[in-house]
Amino acid sequence: DYKGQKLAEQIFQGIILVSAIIGFIYGYIIEQFGWTVYIVMAGFALSCLLTLPPWPMYRRNPLKWLPVQDSGTEEKKPADRKPKRHAKS
């Protein structure tokens, strides 16, 4: 459902943003860029774990589909078809 997709996107972006800020601050304090990368990768892994599987919290508002209709699979005879008219130039 669309509300679940929106929630998953907000959670994903929030975790990435928070982990990037924390990683940058921690990496700046200890002067190690590697820790910044590790923290951002951990945030990415956590956000993937929370948003990629179809958790029930993302399926609370299912879409209402139209009922199946017969498409009239009978083939039309060539005589029943109207000839196409081409535009004059």
PDB file of N, CA and C in Angstrom:
ATOM      1  N   ASP A   1       0.821  -1.175   0.000  1.00  0.00           N
ATOM      2  CA  ASP A   1       0.000   0.000   0.000  1.00  0.00           C
ATOM      3  C   ASP A   1       0.875   1.252   0.000  1.00  0.00           C
ATOM      4  N   TYR A   2       0.285   2.337  -0.408  1.00  0.00           N
ATOM      5  CA  TYR A   2       1.061   3.568  -0.574  1.00  0.00           C
ATOM      6  C   TYR A   2       1.484   4.177   0.754  1.00  0.00           C
ATOM      7  N   LYS A   3       0.658   4.059   1.775  1.00  0.00           N
ATOM      8  CA  LYS A   3       1.026   4.597   3.089  1.00  0.00           C
ATOM      9  C   LYS A   3       2.195   3.811   3.682  1.00  0.00           C
ATOM     10  N   GLY A   4       2.205   2.513   3.467  1.00  0.00           N
ATOM     11  CA  GLY A   4       3.315   1.683   3.931  1.00  0.00           C
ATOM     12  C   GLY A   4       4.604   2.004   3.204  1.00  0.00           C
ATOM     13  N   GLN A   5       4.517   2.277   1.900  1.00  0.00           N
ATOM     14  CA  GLN A   5       5.702   2.669   1.138  1.00  0.00           C
ATOM     15  C   GLN A   5       6.247   3.999   1.637  1.00  0.00           C
ATOM     16  N   LYS A   6       5.365   4.918   1.944  1.00  0.00           N
ATOM     17  CA  LYS A   6       5.795   6.224   2.453  1.00  0.00           C
ATOM     18  C   LYS A   6       6.472   6.065   3.810  1.00  0.00           C
ATOM     19  N   LEU A   7       5.892   5.237   4.685  1.00  0.00           N
ATOM     20  CA  LEU A   7       6.476   4.998   5.995  1.00  0.00           C
ATOM     21  C   LEU A   7       7.855   4.354   5.866  1.00  0.00           C
ATOM     22  N   ALA A   8       7.979   3.360   4.991  1.00  0.00           N
ATOM     23  CA  ALA A   8       9.267   2.691   4.791  1.00  0.00           C
ATOM     24  C   ALA A   8      10.309   3.672   4.278  1.00  0.00           C
ATOM     25  N   GLU A   9       9.939   4.546   3.359  1.00  0.00           N
ATOM     26  CA  GLU A   9      10.864   5.540   2.825  1.00  0.00           C
ATOM     27  C   GLU A   9      11.301   6.526   3.907  1.00  0.00           C
ATOM     28  N   GLN A  10      10.371   6.957   4.751  1.00  0.00           N
ATOM     29  CA  GLN A  10      10.716   7.882   5.835  1.00  0.00           C
ATOM     30  C   GLN A  10      11.647   7.230   6.855  1.00  0.00           C
ATOM     31  N   ILE A  11      11.386   5.977   7.186  1.00  0.00           N
ATOM     32  CA  ILE A  11      12.252   5.261   8.126  1.00  0.00           C
ATOM     33  C   ILE A  11      13.645   5.093   7.531  1.00  0.00           C
ATOM     34  N   PHE A  12      13.707   4.697   6.270  1.00  0.00           N
ATOM     35  CA  PHE A  12      14.985   4.498   5.584  1.00  0.00           C
ATOM     36  C   PHE A  12      15.799   5.789   5.576  1.00  0.00           C
ATOM     37  N   GLN A  13      15.186   6.880   5.153  1.00  0.00           N
ATOM     38  CA  GLN A  13      15.906   8.148   5.084  1.00  0.00           C
ATOM     39  C   GLN A  13      16.304   8.649   6.466  1.00  0.00           C
ATOM     40  N   GLY A  14      15.449   8.471   7.458  1.00  0.00           N
ATOM     41  CA  GLY A  14      15.759   8.912   8.809  1.00  0.00           C
ATOM     42  C   GLY A  14      16.952   8.178   9.391  1.00  0.00           C
ATOM     43  N   ILE A  15      16.988   6.858   9.224  1.00  0.00           N
ATOM     44  CA  ILE A  15      18.099   6.075   9.767  1.00  0.00           C
ATOM     45  C   ILE A  15      19.400   6.435   9.052  1.00  0.00           C
ATOM     46  N   ILE A  16      19.353   6.587   7.742  1.00  0.00           N
ATOM     47  CA  ILE A  16      20.557   6.958   6.988  1.00  0.00           C
ATOM     48  C   ILE A  16      21.053   8.335   7.441  1.00  0.00           C
ATOM     49  N   LEU A  17      20.151   9.283   7.592  1.00  0.00           N
ATOM     50  CA  LEU A  17      20.546  10.634   7.997  1.00  0.00           C
ATOM     51  C   LEU A  17      21.153  10.642   9.403  1.00  0.00           C
ATOM     52  N   VAL A  18      20.491   9.980  10.339  1.00  0.00           N
ATOM     53  CA  VAL A  18      20.991   9.951  11.716  1.00  0.00           C
ATOM     54  C   VAL A  18      22.348   9.243  11.780  1.00  0.00           C
ATOM     55  N   SER A  19      22.484   8.120  11.080  1.00  0.00           N
ATOM     56  CA  SER A  19      23.761   7.411  11.113  1.00  0.00           C
ATOM     57  C   SER A  19      24.867   8.225  10.440  1.00  0.00           C
ATOM     58  N   ALA A  20      24.546   8.975   9.398  1.00  0.00           N
ATOM     59  CA  ALA A  20      25.551   9.815   8.741  1.00  0.00           C
ATOM     60  C   ALA A  20      26.015  10.932   9.677  1.00  0.00           C
ATOM     61  N   ILE A  21      25.084  11.545  10.387  1.00  0.00           N
ATOM     62  CA  ILE A  21      25.443  12.619  11.322  1.00  0.00           C
ATOM     63  C   ILE A  21      26.285  12.068  12.470  1.00  0.00           C
ATOM     64  N   ILE A  22      25.840  10.956  13.050  1.00  0.00           N
ATOM     65  CA  ILE A  22      26.590  10.347  14.154  1.00  0.00           C
ATOM     66  C   ILE A  22      27.970   9.897  13.670  1.00  0.00           C
ATOM     67  N   GLY A  23      28.010   9.267  12.515  1.00  0.00           N
ATOM     68  CA  GLY A  23      29.285   8.803  11.970  1.00  0.00           C
ATOM     69  C   GLY A  23      30.236   9.947  11.688  1.00  0.00           C
ATOM     70  N   PHE A  24      29.722  11.043  11.145  1.00  0.00           N
ATOM     71  CA  PHE A  24      30.577  12.197  10.853  1.00  0.00           C
ATOM     72  C   PHE A  24      31.136  12.797  12.145  1.00  0.00           C
ATOM     73  N   ILE A  25      30.272  12.978  13.128  1.00  0.00           N
ATOM     74  CA  ILE A  25      30.724  13.577  14.394  1.00  0.00           C
ATOM     75  C   ILE A  25      31.740  12.671  15.084  1.00  0.00           C
ATOM     76  N   TYR A  26      31.444  11.376  15.166  1.00  0.00           N
ATOM     77  CA  TYR A  26      32.366  10.450  15.821  1.00  0.00           C
ATOM     78  C   TYR A  26      33.688  10.367  15.067  1.00  0.00           C
ATOM     79  N   GLY A  27      33.619  10.262  13.736  1.00  0.00           N
ATOM     80  CA  GLY A  27      34.841  10.214  12.930  1.00  0.00           C
ATOM     81  C   GLY A  27      35.657  11.482  13.047  1.00  0.00           C
ATOM     82  N   TYR A  28      34.997  12.625  13.171  1.00  0.00           N
ATOM     83  CA  TYR A  28      35.695  13.905  13.322  1.00  0.00           C
ATOM     84  C   TYR A  28      36.396  13.994  14.677  1.00  0.00           C
ATOM     85  N   ILE A  29      35.718  13.505  15.717  1.00  0.00           N
ATOM     86  CA  ILE A  29      36.296  13.569  17.065  1.00  0.00           C
ATOM     87  C   ILE A  29      37.541  12.687  17.168  1.00  0.00           C
ATOM     88  N   ILE A  30      37.457  11.452  16.658  1.00  0.00           N
ATOM     89  CA  ILE A  30      38.608  10.555  16.777  1.00  0.00           C
ATOM     90  C   ILE A  30      39.548  10.657  15.573  1.00  0.00           C
ATOM     91  N   GLU A  31      39.207  11.502  14.610  1.00  0.00           N
ATOM     92  CA  GLU A  31      40.010  11.753  13.418  1.00  0.00           C
ATOM     93  C   GLU A  31      40.275  10.486  12.608  1.00  0.00           C
ATOM     94  N   GLN A  32      39.221   9.708  12.430  1.00  0.00           N
ATOM     95  CA  GLN A  32      39.295   8.486  11.632  1.00  0.00           C
ATOM     96  C   GLN A  32      38.081   8.428  10.706  1.00  0.00           C
ATOM     97  N   PHE A  33      38.330   8.635   9.410  1.00  0.00           N
ATOM     98  CA  PHE A  33      37.233   8.607   8.444  1.00  0.00           C
ATOM     99  C   PHE A  33      36.641   7.206   8.311  1.00  0.00           C
ATOM    100  N   GLY A  34      37.446   6.202   8.577  1.00  0.00           N
ATOM    101  CA  GLY A  34      36.977   4.817   8.472  1.00  0.00           C
ATOM    102  C   GLY A  34      35.792   4.534   9.380  1.00  0.00           C
ATOM    103  N   TRP A  35      35.812   5.101  10.587  1.00  0.00           N
ATOM    104  CA  TRP A  35      34.692   4.901  11.510  1.00  0.00           C
ATOM    105  C   TRP A  35      33.420   5.553  10.988  1.00  0.00           C
ATOM    106  N   THR A  36      33.566   6.666  10.302  1.00  0.00           N
ATOM    107  CA  THR A  36      32.404   7.313   9.692  1.00  0.00           C
ATOM    108  C   THR A  36      31.756   6.372   8.689  1.00  0.00           C
ATOM    109  N   VAL A  37      32.589   5.750   7.860  1.00  0.00           N
ATOM    110  CA  VAL A  37      32.083   4.820   6.846  1.00  0.00           C
ATOM    111  C   VAL A  37      31.436   3.611   7.514  1.00  0.00           C
ATOM    112  N   TYR A  38      32.063   3.067   8.558  1.00  0.00           N
ATOM    113  CA  TYR A  38      31.494   1.903   9.248  1.00  0.00           C
ATOM    114  C   TYR A  38      30.130   2.221   9.860  1.00  0.00           C
ATOM    115  N   ILE A  39      30.007   3.373  10.463  1.00  0.00           N
ATOM    116  CA  ILE A  39      28.742   3.742  11.101  1.00  0.00           C
ATOM    117  C   ILE A  39      27.649   3.962  10.061  1.00  0.00           C
ATOM    118  N   VAL A  40      27.988   4.590   8.947  1.00  0.00           N
ATOM    119  CA  VAL A  40      27.003   4.783   7.876  1.00  0.00           C
ATOM    120  C   VAL A  40      26.601   3.442   7.278  1.00  0.00           C
ATOM    121  N   MET A  41      27.552   2.542   7.098  1.00  0.00           N
ATOM    122  CA  MET A  41      27.214   1.202   6.569  1.00  0.00           C
ATOM    123  C   MET A  41      26.338   0.429   7.549  1.00  0.00           C
ATOM    124  N   ALA A  42      26.594   0.574   8.848  1.00  0.00           N
ATOM    125  CA  ALA A  42      25.750  -0.084   9.845  1.00  0.00           C
ATOM    126  C   ALA A  42      24.333   0.494   9.807  1.00  0.00           C
ATOM    127  N   GLY A  43      24.223   1.812   9.639  1.00  0.00           N
ATOM    128  CA  GLY A  43      22.904   2.433   9.511  1.00  0.00           C
ATOM    129  C   GLY A  43      22.178   1.961   8.262  1.00  0.00           C
ATOM    130  N   PHE A  44      22.921   1.806   7.179  1.00  0.00           N
ATOM    131  CA  PHE A  44      22.328   1.303   5.939  1.00  0.00           C
ATOM    132  C   PHE A  44      21.817  -0.122   6.128  1.00  0.00           C
ATOM    133  N   ALA A  45      22.628  -0.970   6.770  1.00  0.00           N
ATOM    134  CA  ALA A  45      22.210  -2.357   7.009  1.00  0.00           C
ATOM    135  C   ALA A  45      20.966  -2.408   7.903  1.00  0.00           C
ATOM    136  N   LEU A  46      20.944  -1.579   8.947  1.00  0.00           N
ATOM    137  CA  LEU A  46      19.780  -1.536   9.837  1.00  0.00           C
ATOM    138  C   LEU A  46      18.534  -1.064   9.088  1.00  0.00           C
ATOM    139  N   SER A  47      18.694  -0.031   8.274  1.00  0.00           N
ATOM    140  CA  SER A  47      17.533   0.477   7.540  1.00  0.00           C
ATOM    141  C   SER A  47      17.042  -0.543   6.513  1.00  0.00           C
ATOM    142  N   CYS A  48      17.934  -1.288   5.900  1.00  0.00           N
ATOM    143  CA  CYS A  48      17.515  -2.347   4.969  1.00  0.00           C
ATOM    144  C   CYS A  48      16.763  -3.445   5.707  1.00  0.00           C
ATOM    145  N   LEU A  49      17.249  -3.802   6.884  1.00  0.00           N
ATOM    146  CA  LEU A  49      16.587  -4.831   7.684  1.00  0.00           C
ATOM    147  C   LEU A  49      15.178  -4.407   8.090  1.00  0.00           C
ATOM    148  N   LEU A  50      14.996  -3.116   8.357  1.00  0.00           N
ATOM    149  CA  LEU A  50      13.689  -2.631   8.802  1.00  0.00           C
ATOM    150  C   LEU A  50      12.726  -2.313   7.668  1.00  0.00           C
ATOM    151  N   THR A  51      13.239  -2.032   6.470  1.00  0.00           N
ATOM    152  CA  THR A  51      12.338  -1.567   5.412  1.00  0.00           C
ATOM    153  C   THR A  51      12.155  -2.532   4.244  1.00  0.00           C
ATOM    154  N   LEU A  52      13.099  -3.429   3.978  1.00  0.00           N
ATOM    155  CA  LEU A  52      12.956  -4.294   2.808  1.00  0.00           C
ATOM    156  C   LEU A  52      11.977  -5.454   2.988  1.00  0.00           C
ATOM    157  N   PRO A  53      11.989  -6.170   4.111  1.00  0.00           N
ATOM    158  CA  PRO A  53      10.995  -7.248   4.249  1.00  0.00           C
ATOM    159  C   PRO A  53       9.579  -6.671   4.347  1.00  0.00           C
ATOM    160  N   PRO A  54       8.591  -7.446   3.917  1.00  0.00           N
ATOM    161  CA  PRO A  54       7.198  -6.955   3.986  1.00  0.00           C
ATOM    162  C   PRO A  54       6.616  -7.102   5.392  1.00  0.00           C
ATOM    163  N   TRP A  55       7.075  -6.292   6.315  1.00  0.00           N
ATOM    164  CA  TRP A  55       6.593  -6.335   7.692  1.00  0.00           C
ATOM    165  C   TRP A  55       5.114  -5.942   7.740  1.00  0.00           C
ATOM    166  N   PRO A  56       4.365  -6.462   8.727  1.00  0.00           N
ATOM    167  CA  PRO A  56       2.937  -6.135   8.822  1.00  0.00           C
ATOM    168  C   PRO A  56       2.653  -4.640   8.997  1.00  0.00           C
ATOM    169  N   MET A  57       3.588  -3.895   9.576  1.00  0.00           N
ATOM    170  CA  MET A  57       3.330  -2.462   9.772  1.00  0.00           C
ATOM    171  C   MET A  57       3.264  -1.710   8.451  1.00  0.00           C
ATOM    172  N   TYR A  58       3.770  -2.298   7.370  1.00  0.00           N
ATOM    173  CA  TYR A  58       3.713  -1.661   6.051  1.00  0.00           C
ATOM    174  C   TYR A  58       2.501  -2.120   5.238  1.00  0.00           C
ATOM    175  N   ARG A  59       1.741  -3.067   5.781  1.00  0.00           N
ATOM    176  CA  ARG A  59       0.594  -3.612   5.041  1.00  0.00           C
ATOM    177  C   ARG A  59      -0.726  -3.371   5.754  1.00  0.00           C
ATOM    178  N   ARG A  60      -0.843  -2.260   6.427  1.00  0.00           N
ATOM    179  CA  ARG A  60      -2.069  -1.970   7.186  1.00  0.00           C
ATOM    180  C   ARG A  60      -3.193  -1.426   6.319  1.00  0.00           C
ATOM    181  N   ASN A  61      -2.884  -0.842   5.183  1.00  0.00           N
ATOM    182  CA  ASN A  61      -3.893  -0.225   4.313  1.00  0.00           C
ATOM    183  C   ASN A  61      -3.841  -0.846   2.921  1.00  0.00           C
ATOM    184  N   PRO A  62      -4.377  -2.056   2.772  1.00  0.00           N
ATOM    185  CA  PRO A  62      -4.295  -2.711   1.464  1.00  0.00           C
ATOM    186  C   PRO A  62      -5.125  -1.969   0.409  1.00  0.00           C
ATOM    187  N   LEU A  63      -4.683  -2.071  -0.827  1.00  0.00           N
ATOM    188  CA  LEU A  63      -5.404  -1.431  -1.924  1.00  0.00           C
ATOM    189  C   LEU A  63      -6.647  -2.234  -2.271  1.00  0.00           C
ATOM    190  N   LYS A  64      -7.698  -1.533  -2.650  1.00  0.00           N
ATOM    191  CA  LYS A  64      -8.926  -2.203  -3.077  1.00  0.00           C
ATOM    192  C   LYS A  64      -8.886  -2.300  -4.592  1.00  0.00           C
ATOM    193  N   TRP A  65      -8.804  -3.525  -5.094  1.00  0.00           N
ATOM    194  CA  TRP A  65      -8.706  -3.754  -6.527  1.00  0.00           C
ATOM    195  C   TRP A  65     -10.102  -3.884  -7.127  1.00  0.00           C
ATOM    196  N   LEU A  66     -10.214  -3.566  -8.391  1.00  0.00           N
ATOM    197  CA  LEU A  66     -11.477  -3.751  -9.087  1.00  0.00           C
ATOM    198  C   LEU A  66     -11.722  -5.234  -9.299  1.00  0.00           C
ATOM    199  N   PRO A  67     -12.995  -5.658  -9.328  1.00  0.00           N
ATOM    200  CA  PRO A  67     -13.264  -7.075  -9.571  1.00  0.00           C
ATOM    201  C   PRO A  67     -12.879  -7.453 -11.006  1.00  0.00           C
ATOM    202  N   VAL A  68     -12.603  -8.723 -11.193  1.00  0.00           N
ATOM    203  CA  VAL A  68     -12.210  -9.225 -12.505  1.00  0.00           C
ATOM    204  C   VAL A  68     -13.415  -9.189 -13.430  1.00  0.00           C
ATOM    205  N   GLN A  69     -13.205  -8.684 -14.641  1.00  0.00           N
ATOM    206  CA  GLN A  69     -14.282  -8.627 -15.624  1.00  0.00           C
ATOM    207  C   GLN A  69     -13.911  -9.478 -16.824  1.00  0.00           C
ATOM    208  N   ASP A  70     -14.947 -10.095 -17.420  1.00  0.00           N
ATOM    209  CA  ASP A  70     -14.698 -10.846 -18.648  1.00  0.00           C
ATOM    210  C   ASP A  70     -14.401  -9.864 -19.757  1.00  0.00           C
ATOM    211  N   SER A  71     -13.378 -10.156 -20.533  1.00  0.00           N
ATOM    212  CA  SER A  71     -12.976  -9.225 -21.585  1.00  0.00           C
ATOM    213  C   SER A  71     -13.674  -9.534 -22.912  1.00  0.00           C
ATOM    214  N   GLY A  72     -14.574 -10.487 -22.967  1.00  0.00           N
ATOM    215  CA  GLY A  72     -15.252 -10.828 -24.209  1.00  0.00           C
ATOM    216  C   GLY A  72     -14.271 -11.452 -25.176  1.00  0.00           C
ATOM    217  N   THR A  73     -13.850 -12.647 -24.885  1.00  0.00           N
ATOM    218  CA  THR A  73     -12.795 -13.279 -25.666  1.00  0.00           C
ATOM    219  C   THR A  73     -13.259 -13.775 -27.033  1.00  0.00           C
ATOM    220  N   GLU A  74     -14.512 -13.522 -27.350  1.00  0.00           N
ATOM    221  CA  GLU A  74     -14.996 -13.945 -28.666  1.00  0.00           C
ATOM    222  C   GLU A  74     -14.287 -13.138 -29.739  1.00  0.00           C
ATOM    223  N   GLU A  75     -13.839 -13.834 -30.756  1.00  0.00           N
ATOM    224  CA  GLU A  75     -13.147 -13.138 -31.836  1.00  0.00           C
ATOM    225  C   GLU A  75     -14.175 -12.526 -32.779  1.00  0.00           C
ATOM    226  N   LYS A  76     -13.884 -11.311 -33.215  1.00  0.00           N
ATOM    227  CA  LYS A  76     -14.778 -10.640 -34.153  1.00  0.00           C
ATOM    228  C   LYS A  76     -14.500 -11.148 -35.558  1.00  0.00           C
ATOM    229  N   LYS A  77     -15.555 -11.246 -36.318  1.00  0.00           N
ATOM    230  CA  LYS A  77     -15.403 -11.652 -37.714  1.00  0.00           C
ATOM    231  C   LYS A  77     -14.870 -10.462 -38.499  1.00  0.00           C
ATOM    232  N   PRO A  78     -14.153 -10.718 -39.584  1.00  0.00           N
ATOM    233  CA  PRO A  78     -13.632  -9.603 -40.385  1.00  0.00           C
ATOM    234  C   PRO A  78     -14.723  -8.676 -40.901  1.00  0.00           C
ATOM    235  N   ALA A  79     -15.927  -9.182 -41.135  1.00  0.00           N
ATOM    236  CA  ALA A  79     -17.011  -8.347 -41.644  1.00  0.00           C
ATOM    237  C   ALA A  79     -17.541  -7.408 -40.558  1.00  0.00           C
ATOM    238  N   ASP A  80     -17.383  -7.784 -39.302  1.00  0.00           N
ATOM    239  CA  ASP A  80     -17.870  -6.963 -38.206  1.00  0.00           C
ATOM    240  C   ASP A  80     -16.969  -5.759 -37.920  1.00  0.00           C
ATOM    241  N   ARG A  81     -15.746  -5.826 -38.394  1.00  0.00           N
ATOM    242  CA  ARG A  81     -14.810  -4.742 -38.129  1.00  0.00           C
ATOM    243  C   ARG A  81     -15.068  -3.571 -39.048  1.00  0.00           C
ATOM    244  N   LYS A  82     -14.902  -2.369 -38.506  1.00  0.00           N
ATOM    245  CA  LYS A  82     -15.063  -1.173 -39.326  1.00  0.00           C
ATOM    246  C   LYS A  82     -13.735  -0.864 -40.000  1.00  0.00           C
ATOM    247  N   PRO A  83     -13.757  -0.483 -41.261  1.00  0.00           N
ATOM    248  CA  PRO A  83     -12.491  -0.143 -41.920  1.00  0.00           C
ATOM    249  C   PRO A  83     -11.941   1.169 -41.348  1.00  0.00           C
ATOM    250  N   LYS A  84     -10.630   1.235 -41.250  1.00  0.00           N
ATOM    251  CA  LYS A  84     -10.002   2.448 -40.732  1.00  0.00           C
ATOM    252  C   LYS A  84      -9.967   3.499 -41.829  1.00  0.00           C
ATOM    253  N   ARG A  85     -10.258   4.712 -41.449  1.00  0.00           N
ATOM    254  CA  ARG A  85     -10.195   5.823 -42.401  1.00  0.00           C
ATOM    255  C   ARG A  85      -8.915   6.579 -42.151  1.00  0.00           C
ATOM    256  N   HIS A  86      -8.212   6.859 -43.204  1.00  0.00           N
ATOM    257  CA  HIS A  86      -6.965   7.593 -43.103  1.00  0.00           C
ATOM    258  C   HIS A  86      -7.248   9.068 -43.362  1.00  0.00           C
ATOM    259  N   ALA A  87      -6.526   9.898 -42.643  1.00  0.00           N
ATOM    260  CA  ALA A  87      -6.696  11.349 -42.811  1.00  0.00           C
ATOM    261  C   ALA A  87      -6.142  11.771 -44.173  1.00  0.00           C
ATOM    262  N   LYS A  88      -6.877  12.654 -44.829  1.00  0.00           N
ATOM    263  CA  LYS A  88      -6.410  13.171 -46.114  1.00  0.00           C
ATOM    264  C   LYS A  88      -5.404  14.278 -45.881  1.00  0.00           C
ATOM    265  N   SER A  89      -4.377  14.288 -46.709  1.00  0.00           N
ATOM    266  CA  SER A  89      -3.376  15.336 -46.547  1.00  0.00           C
ATOM    267  C   SER A  89      -3.504  16.437 -47.549  1.00  0.00           C
TER     268      SER A  89
END
